[in-house]
Amino acid sequence: MEMSGLSAFHPHETEAVTSLHVSTLIFGGARSGKSRYAQTLAEESGLTPLLIATATAGDDEMAERIRKHQAERGDRWRLIEEPLDLLGALRKAAAPDTAIVVDCLTLWLSNLMFKEADVEAAGDALAASLPGLQGPVIFVSNEVGLGLVPETQLGRAFRDAQGRLNQKLAAACENVIFVAAGIPLQLKPNPLTLRR
């Protein structure tokens, strides 16, 4: 099925990737289904699924969100919580028998901005590291640039930084998937999964 030159697909319907060293960026709006899709790809890969979570439970509502996500994943998943040193966590955890999901780049970026870190350098280092990782990684990120222009300077700076980070990862990753209303659209290159 073709939609505006992009192919809609589901992991059950696609060919296998021959290399296990595959990087994938999955991005979309809030509640688009991107995290669920990333989880499905990892679970159906035949590899051990591992989540690197960048969220922190700053309030009761966020703690409840985290609890629900943990319940949805179940006991099969391994978990690393790392709000800042994402690159260090990836280098330690990446392995040919492990499918890593990073959820999400947007929270990682906001954590860095609150610490007044150099977000451009951090994004550059993350993108440059992908060829050296020893296993597949699926990054989840938000598309925040499709709405209104934020009213505050901080909001505009965050929107711009998120857009640049998404571009860097999209250029560096072998697969790029946009999720809208629960439907994944393959942007780069051809429909693929992480299956062995």
C-alpha atoms as a PDB file:
ATOM      1  CA  MET A   1       0.000   0.000   0.000  1.00  0.00           C
ATOM      2  CA  GLU A   2       1.541   3.301  -1.081  1.00  0.00           C
ATOM      3  CA  MET A   3       0.727   6.573   0.639  1.00  0.00           C
ATOM      4  CA  SER A   4       2.274   9.737  -0.806  1.00  0.00           C
ATOM      5  CA  GLY A   5       5.290   7.763  -1.948  1.00  0.00           C
ATOM      6  CA  LEU A   6       5.787   6.168   1.479  1.00  0.00           C
ATOM      7  CA  SER A   7       5.010   2.544   2.149  1.00  0.00           C
ATOM      8  CA  ALA A   8       2.881   1.636   5.147  1.00  0.00           C
ATOM      9  CA  PHE A   9       3.999  -1.646   6.653  1.00  0.00           C
ATOM     10  CA  HIS A  10       3.849  -3.945   9.626  1.00  0.00           C
ATOM     11  CA  PRO A  11       6.783  -5.983  10.948  1.00  0.00           C
ATOM     12  CA  HIS A  12       5.010  -9.265  10.133  1.00  0.00           C
ATOM     13  CA  GLU A  13       4.937  -8.348   6.445  1.00  0.00           C
ATOM     14  CA  THR A  14       8.541  -7.323   5.855  1.00  0.00           C
ATOM     15  CA  GLU A  15      11.802  -8.992   4.913  1.00  0.00           C
ATOM     16  CA  ALA A  16      14.563  -9.803   7.368  1.00  0.00           C
ATOM     17  CA  VAL A  17      17.640  -7.717   7.954  1.00  0.00           C
ATOM     18  CA  THR A  18      20.770  -9.773   7.326  1.00  0.00           C
ATOM     19  CA  SER A  19      22.958  -7.656   9.606  1.00  0.00           C
ATOM     20  CA  LEU A  20      22.222  -7.448  13.316  1.00  0.00           C
ATOM     21  CA  HIS A  21      23.989  -4.082  13.526  1.00  0.00           C
ATOM     22  CA  VAL A  22      20.943  -2.031  12.565  1.00  0.00           C
ATOM     23  CA  SER A  23      19.983   1.400  13.864  1.00  0.00           C
ATOM     24  CA  THR A  24      16.408   2.606  13.633  1.00  0.00           C
ATOM     25  CA  LEU A  25      14.763   5.951  14.408  1.00  0.00           C
ATOM     26  CA  ILE A  26      11.033   5.829  15.118  1.00  0.00           C
ATOM     27  CA  PHE A  27       9.412   9.222  15.558  1.00  0.00           C
ATOM     28  CA  GLY A  28       5.940  10.744  15.640  1.00  0.00           C
ATOM     29  CA  GLY A  29       3.596  12.858  17.687  1.00  0.00           C
ATOM     30  CA  ALA A  30       2.350  12.289  21.213  1.00  0.00           C
ATOM     31  CA  ARG A  31       0.243   9.123  21.500  1.00  0.00           C
ATOM     32  CA  SER A  32       1.001   8.202  17.901  1.00  0.00           C
ATOM     33  CA  GLY A  33       1.919   4.605  18.778  1.00  0.00           C
ATOM     34  CA  LYS A  34       5.661   5.015  18.268  1.00  0.00           C
ATOM     35  CA  SER A  35       6.719   3.433  21.584  1.00  0.00           C
ATOM     36  CA  ARG A  36       4.397   0.476  21.089  1.00  0.00           C
ATOM     37  CA  TYR A  37       5.766  -0.031  17.579  1.00  0.00           C
ATOM     38  CA  ALA A  38       9.381   0.111  18.810  1.00  0.00           C
ATOM     39  CA  GLN A  39       8.519  -2.438  21.501  1.00  0.00           C
ATOM     40  CA  THR A  40       6.922  -4.732  18.905  1.00  0.00           C
ATOM     41  CA  LEU A  41      10.000  -4.593  16.656  1.00  0.00           C
ATOM     42  CA  ALA A  42      12.291  -5.478  19.557  1.00  0.00           C
ATOM     43  CA  GLU A  43      10.064  -8.303  20.805  1.00  0.00           C
ATOM     44  CA  GLU A  44       9.682  -9.835  17.349  1.00  0.00           C
ATOM     45  CA  SER A  45      13.413  -9.628  16.562  1.00  0.00           C
ATOM     46  CA  GLY A  46      14.241 -12.898  18.295  1.00  0.00           C
ATOM     47  CA  LEU A  47      16.789 -11.007  20.407  1.00  0.00           C
ATOM     48  CA  THR A  48      16.741 -10.130  24.102  1.00  0.00           C
ATOM     49  CA  PRO A  49      14.797  -6.852  24.456  1.00  0.00           C
ATOM     50  CA  LEU A  50      16.357  -4.139  26.587  1.00  0.00           C
ATOM     51  CA  LEU A  51      14.924  -0.691  27.306  1.00  0.00           C
ATOM     52  CA  ILE A  52      17.089   2.320  28.043  1.00  0.00           C
ATOM     53  CA  ALA A  53      14.610   4.669  29.718  1.00  0.00           C
ATOM     54  CA  THR A  54      15.461   8.371  29.818  1.00  0.00           C
ATOM     55  CA  ALA A  55      12.400   9.427  31.846  1.00  0.00           C
ATOM     56  CA  THR A  56      12.514  10.362  35.500  1.00  0.00           C
ATOM     57  CA  ALA A  57       9.503  10.248  37.819  1.00  0.00           C
ATOM     58  CA  GLY A  58       9.336  13.935  38.706  1.00  0.00           C
ATOM     59  CA  ASP A  59       5.708  13.773  39.868  1.00  0.00           C
ATOM     60  CA  ASP A  60       2.929  11.272  40.598  1.00  0.00           C
ATOM     61  CA  GLU A  61       1.487  11.417  37.084  1.00  0.00           C
ATOM     62  CA  MET A  62       4.856  10.634  35.494  1.00  0.00           C
ATOM     63  CA  ALA A  63       5.470   7.850  38.001  1.00  0.00           C
ATOM     64  CA  GLU A  64       2.141   6.309  36.979  1.00  0.00           C
ATOM     65  CA  ARG A  65       3.050   6.548  33.286  1.00  0.00           C
ATOM     66  CA  ILE A  66       6.328   4.765  33.983  1.00  0.00           C
ATOM     67  CA  ARG A  67       4.526   2.061  35.981  1.00  0.00           C
ATOM     68  CA  LYS A  68       2.058   1.447  33.125  1.00  0.00           C
ATOM     69  CA  HIS A  69       4.872   1.163  30.577  1.00  0.00           C
ATOM     70  CA  GLN A  70       6.673  -1.347  32.801  1.00  0.00           C
ATOM     71  CA  ALA A  71       3.510  -3.425  33.149  1.00  0.00           C
ATOM     72  CA  GLU A  72       2.984  -3.417  29.365  1.00  0.00           C
ATOM     73  CA  ARG A  73       6.533  -4.647  28.702  1.00  0.00           C
ATOM     74  CA  GLY A  74       6.419  -7.472  31.220  1.00  0.00           C
ATOM     75  CA  ASP A  75       9.250  -9.469  32.771  1.00  0.00           C
ATOM     76  CA  ARG A  76      10.939 -10.412  29.500  1.00  0.00           C
ATOM     77  CA  TRP A  77      12.468  -6.946  29.169  1.00  0.00           C
ATOM     78  CA  ARG A  78      15.700  -5.828  30.793  1.00  0.00           C
ATOM     79  CA  LEU A  79      15.798  -2.179  31.937  1.00  0.00           C
ATOM     80  CA  ILE A  80      18.465   0.507  32.240  1.00  0.00           C
ATOM     81  CA  GLU A  81      17.401   3.912  33.555  1.00  0.00           C
ATOM     82  CA  GLU A  82      19.716   6.632  32.243  1.00  0.00           C
ATOM     83  CA  PRO A  83      18.425  10.205  31.929  1.00  0.00           C
ATOM     84  CA  LEU A  84      21.741  11.813  30.863  1.00  0.00           C
ATOM     85  CA  ASP A  85      24.613   9.518  29.830  1.00  0.00           C
ATOM     86  CA  LEU A  86      22.781   7.812  26.988  1.00  0.00           C
ATOM     87  CA  LEU A  87      25.922   7.233  24.944  1.00  0.00           C
ATOM     88  CA  GLY A  88      27.680   5.556  27.868  1.00  0.00           C
ATOM     89  CA  ALA A  89      24.674   3.317  28.513  1.00  0.00           C
ATOM     90  CA  LEU A  90      24.499   2.314  24.845  1.00  0.00           C
ATOM     91  CA  ARG A  91      28.187   1.455  24.669  1.00  0.00           C
ATOM     92  CA  LYS A  92      27.896  -0.770  27.745  1.00  0.00           C
ATOM     93  CA  ALA A  93      24.660  -2.502  26.757  1.00  0.00           C
ATOM     94  CA  ALA A  94      24.921  -2.963  22.977  1.00  0.00           C
ATOM     95  CA  ALA A  95      25.420  -6.603  21.978  1.00  0.00           C
ATOM     96  CA  PRO A  96      24.614  -8.744  18.936  1.00  0.00           C
ATOM     97  CA  ASP A  97      22.033 -10.757  20.917  1.00  0.00           C
ATOM     98  CA  THR A  98      20.222  -7.702  22.319  1.00  0.00           C
ATOM     99  CA  ALA A  99      17.650  -5.389  20.738  1.00  0.00           C
ATOM    100  CA  ILE A 100      17.867  -2.045  22.537  1.00  0.00           C
ATOM    101  CA  VAL A 101      15.008   0.445  22.588  1.00  0.00           C
ATOM    102  CA  VAL A 102      15.861   3.989  23.704  1.00  0.00           C
ATOM    103  CA  ASP A 103      12.657   5.656  24.887  1.00  0.00           C
ATOM    104  CA  CYS A 104      12.942   8.478  24.394  1.00  0.00           C
ATOM    105  CA  LEU A 105      15.283  11.005  22.789  1.00  0.00           C
ATOM    106  CA  THR A 106      12.901  13.857  23.595  1.00  0.00           C
ATOM    107  CA  LEU A 107      13.134  13.342  27.347  1.00  0.00           C
ATOM    108  CA  TRP A 108      16.900  12.835  27.059  1.00  0.00           C
ATOM    109  CA  LEU A 109      17.162  16.167  25.234  1.00  0.00           C
ATOM    110  CA  SER A 110      15.059  17.980  27.837  1.00  0.00           C
ATOM    111  CA  ASN A 111      17.163  16.456  30.636  1.00  0.00           C
ATOM    112  CA  LEU A 112      20.322  17.745  28.942  1.00  0.00           C
ATOM    113  CA  MET A 113      18.822  21.197  28.438  1.00  0.00           C
ATOM    114  CA  PHE A 114      17.834  21.446  32.110  1.00  0.00           C
ATOM    115  CA  LYS A 115      21.434  20.594  33.021  1.00  0.00           C
ATOM    116  CA  GLU A 116      22.589  23.286  30.535  1.00  0.00           C
ATOM    117  CA  ALA A 117      24.646  20.686  28.658  1.00  0.00           C
ATOM    118  CA  ASP A 118      25.854  21.197  25.101  1.00  0.00           C
ATOM    119  CA  VAL A 119      22.944  19.486  23.337  1.00  0.00           C
ATOM    120  CA  GLU A 120      24.418  19.949  19.857  1.00  0.00           C
ATOM    121  CA  ALA A 121      27.652  18.199  20.840  1.00  0.00           C
ATOM    122  CA  ALA A 122      25.724  15.428  22.609  1.00  0.00           C
ATOM    123  CA  GLY A 123      23.582  14.831  19.516  1.00  0.00           C
ATOM    124  CA  ASP A 124      26.647  14.818  17.261  1.00  0.00           C
ATOM    125  CA  ALA A 125      28.407  12.287  19.514  1.00  0.00           C
ATOM    126  CA  LEU A 126      25.340  10.033  19.652  1.00  0.00           C
ATOM    127  CA  ALA A 127      24.910  10.020  15.865  1.00  0.00           C
ATOM    128  CA  ALA A 128      28.625   9.407  15.294  1.00  0.00           C
ATOM    129  CA  SER A 129      28.612   6.438  17.690  1.00  0.00           C
ATOM    130  CA  LEU A 130      26.039   4.345  15.827  1.00  0.00           C
ATOM    131  CA  PRO A 131      28.367   2.492  13.422  1.00  0.00           C
ATOM    132  CA  GLY A 132      30.475   1.310  16.362  1.00  0.00           C
ATOM    133  CA  LEU A 133      27.655  -0.165  18.449  1.00  0.00           C
ATOM    134  CA  GLN A 134      27.690  -3.948  18.663  1.00  0.00           C
ATOM    135  CA  GLY A 135      23.993  -4.596  18.113  1.00  0.00           C
ATOM    136  CA  PRO A 136      20.687  -3.132  16.947  1.00  0.00           C
ATOM    137  CA  VAL A 137      19.275   0.015  18.556  1.00  0.00           C
ATOM    138  CA  ILE A 138      15.808   1.503  18.126  1.00  0.00           C
ATOM    139  CA  PHE A 139      15.480   5.180  19.078  1.00  0.00           C
ATOM    140  CA  VAL A 140      12.069   6.657  19.894  1.00  0.00           C
ATOM    141  CA  SER A 141      11.644  10.405  19.464  1.00  0.00           C
ATOM    142  CA  ASN A 142       8.888  12.997  19.222  1.00  0.00           C
ATOM    143  CA  GLU A 143       8.094  15.175  16.246  1.00  0.00           C
ATOM    144  CA  VAL A 144       7.421  18.499  17.966  1.00  0.00           C
ATOM    145  CA  GLY A 145       7.629  20.815  14.966  1.00  0.00           C
ATOM    146  CA  LEU A 146       4.210  20.219  13.396  1.00  0.00           C
ATOM    147  CA  GLY A 147       2.202  22.401  15.777  1.00  0.00           C
ATOM    148  CA  LEU A 148       2.085  26.057  16.685  1.00  0.00           C
ATOM    149  CA  VAL A 149       5.238  28.057  17.285  1.00  0.00           C
ATOM    150  CA  PRO A 150       5.896  27.921  21.063  1.00  0.00           C
ATOM    151  CA  GLU A 151       5.201  31.174  22.919  1.00  0.00           C
ATOM    152  CA  THR A 152       8.353  31.130  25.049  1.00  0.00           C
ATOM    153  CA  GLN A 153      11.989  31.403  24.079  1.00  0.00           C
ATOM    154  CA  LEU A 154      12.761  28.156  25.924  1.00  0.00           C
ATOM    155  CA  GLY A 155       9.950  26.394  24.083  1.00  0.00           C
ATOM    156  CA  ARG A 156      11.248  27.581  20.716  1.00  0.00           C
ATOM    157  CA  ALA A 157      14.810  26.597  21.629  1.00  0.00           C
ATOM    158  CA  PHE A 158      13.629  23.122  22.615  1.00  0.00           C
ATOM    159  CA  ARG A 159      11.576  22.692  19.436  1.00  0.00           C
ATOM    160  CA  ASP A 160      14.555  23.715  17.313  1.00  0.00           C
ATOM    161  CA  ALA A 161      16.977  21.467  19.221  1.00  0.00           C
ATOM    162  CA  GLN A 162      14.591  18.511  18.899  1.00  0.00           C
ATOM    163  CA  GLY A 163      14.258  19.072  15.170  1.00  0.00           C
ATOM    164  CA  ARG A 164      18.036  19.174  14.732  1.00  0.00           C
ATOM    165  CA  LEU A 165      18.496  16.047  16.877  1.00  0.00           C
ATOM    166  CA  ASN A 166      15.896  14.155  14.843  1.00  0.00           C
ATOM    167  CA  GLN A 167      17.649  15.177  11.627  1.00  0.00           C
ATOM    168  CA  LYS A 168      21.026  13.990  12.929  1.00  0.00           C
ATOM    169  CA  LEU A 169      19.668  10.622  13.995  1.00  0.00           C
ATOM    170  CA  ALA A 170      17.656  10.223  10.796  1.00  0.00           C
ATOM    171  CA  ALA A 171      20.818  10.785   8.761  1.00  0.00           C
ATOM    172  CA  ALA A 172      22.833   8.346  10.893  1.00  0.00           C
ATOM    173  CA  CYS A 173      20.262   5.551  11.273  1.00  0.00           C
ATOM    174  CA  GLU A 174      19.785   2.852   8.654  1.00  0.00           C
ATOM    175  CA  ASN A 175      16.009   2.801   9.148  1.00  0.00           C
ATOM    176  CA  VAL A 176      13.707   5.775   9.763  1.00  0.00           C
ATOM    177  CA  ILE A 177      10.017   5.257  10.523  1.00  0.00           C
ATOM    178  CA  PHE A 178       7.345   7.905  11.069  1.00  0.00           C
ATOM    179  CA  VAL A 179       4.325   6.750  13.076  1.00  0.00           C
ATOM    180  CA  ALA A 180       0.973   8.517  12.712  1.00  0.00           C
ATOM    181  CA  ALA A 181      -2.266   7.293  14.337  1.00  0.00           C
ATOM    182  CA  GLY A 182      -0.641   3.938  15.042  1.00  0.00           C
ATOM    183  CA  ILE A 183       0.440   3.399  11.437  1.00  0.00           C
ATOM    184  CA  PRO A 184       4.192   3.135  10.748  1.00  0.00           C
ATOM    185  CA  LEU A 185       5.446   4.722   7.529  1.00  0.00           C
ATOM    186  CA  GLN A 186       8.919   3.710   6.378  1.00  0.00           C
ATOM    187  CA  LEU A 187      10.916   6.765   5.316  1.00  0.00           C
ATOM    188  CA  LYS A 188      14.348   5.148   4.968  1.00  0.00           C
ATOM    189  CA  PRO A 189      15.335   2.958   3.193  1.00  0.00           C
ATOM    190  CA  ASN A 190      12.970   0.046   2.440  1.00  0.00           C
ATOM    191  CA  PRO A 191      10.651  -1.888   4.780  1.00  0.00           C
ATOM    192  CA  LEU A 192      12.840  -3.869   7.191  1.00  0.00           C
ATOM    193  CA  THR A 193      12.737  -5.519  10.608  1.00  0.00           C
ATOM    194  CA  LEU A 194      15.408  -6.706  13.023  1.00  0.00           C
ATOM    195  CA  ARG A 195      14.652 -10.410  12.538  1.00  0.00           C
ATOM    196  CA  ARG A 196      17.579 -12.823  12.428  1.00  0.00           C
END
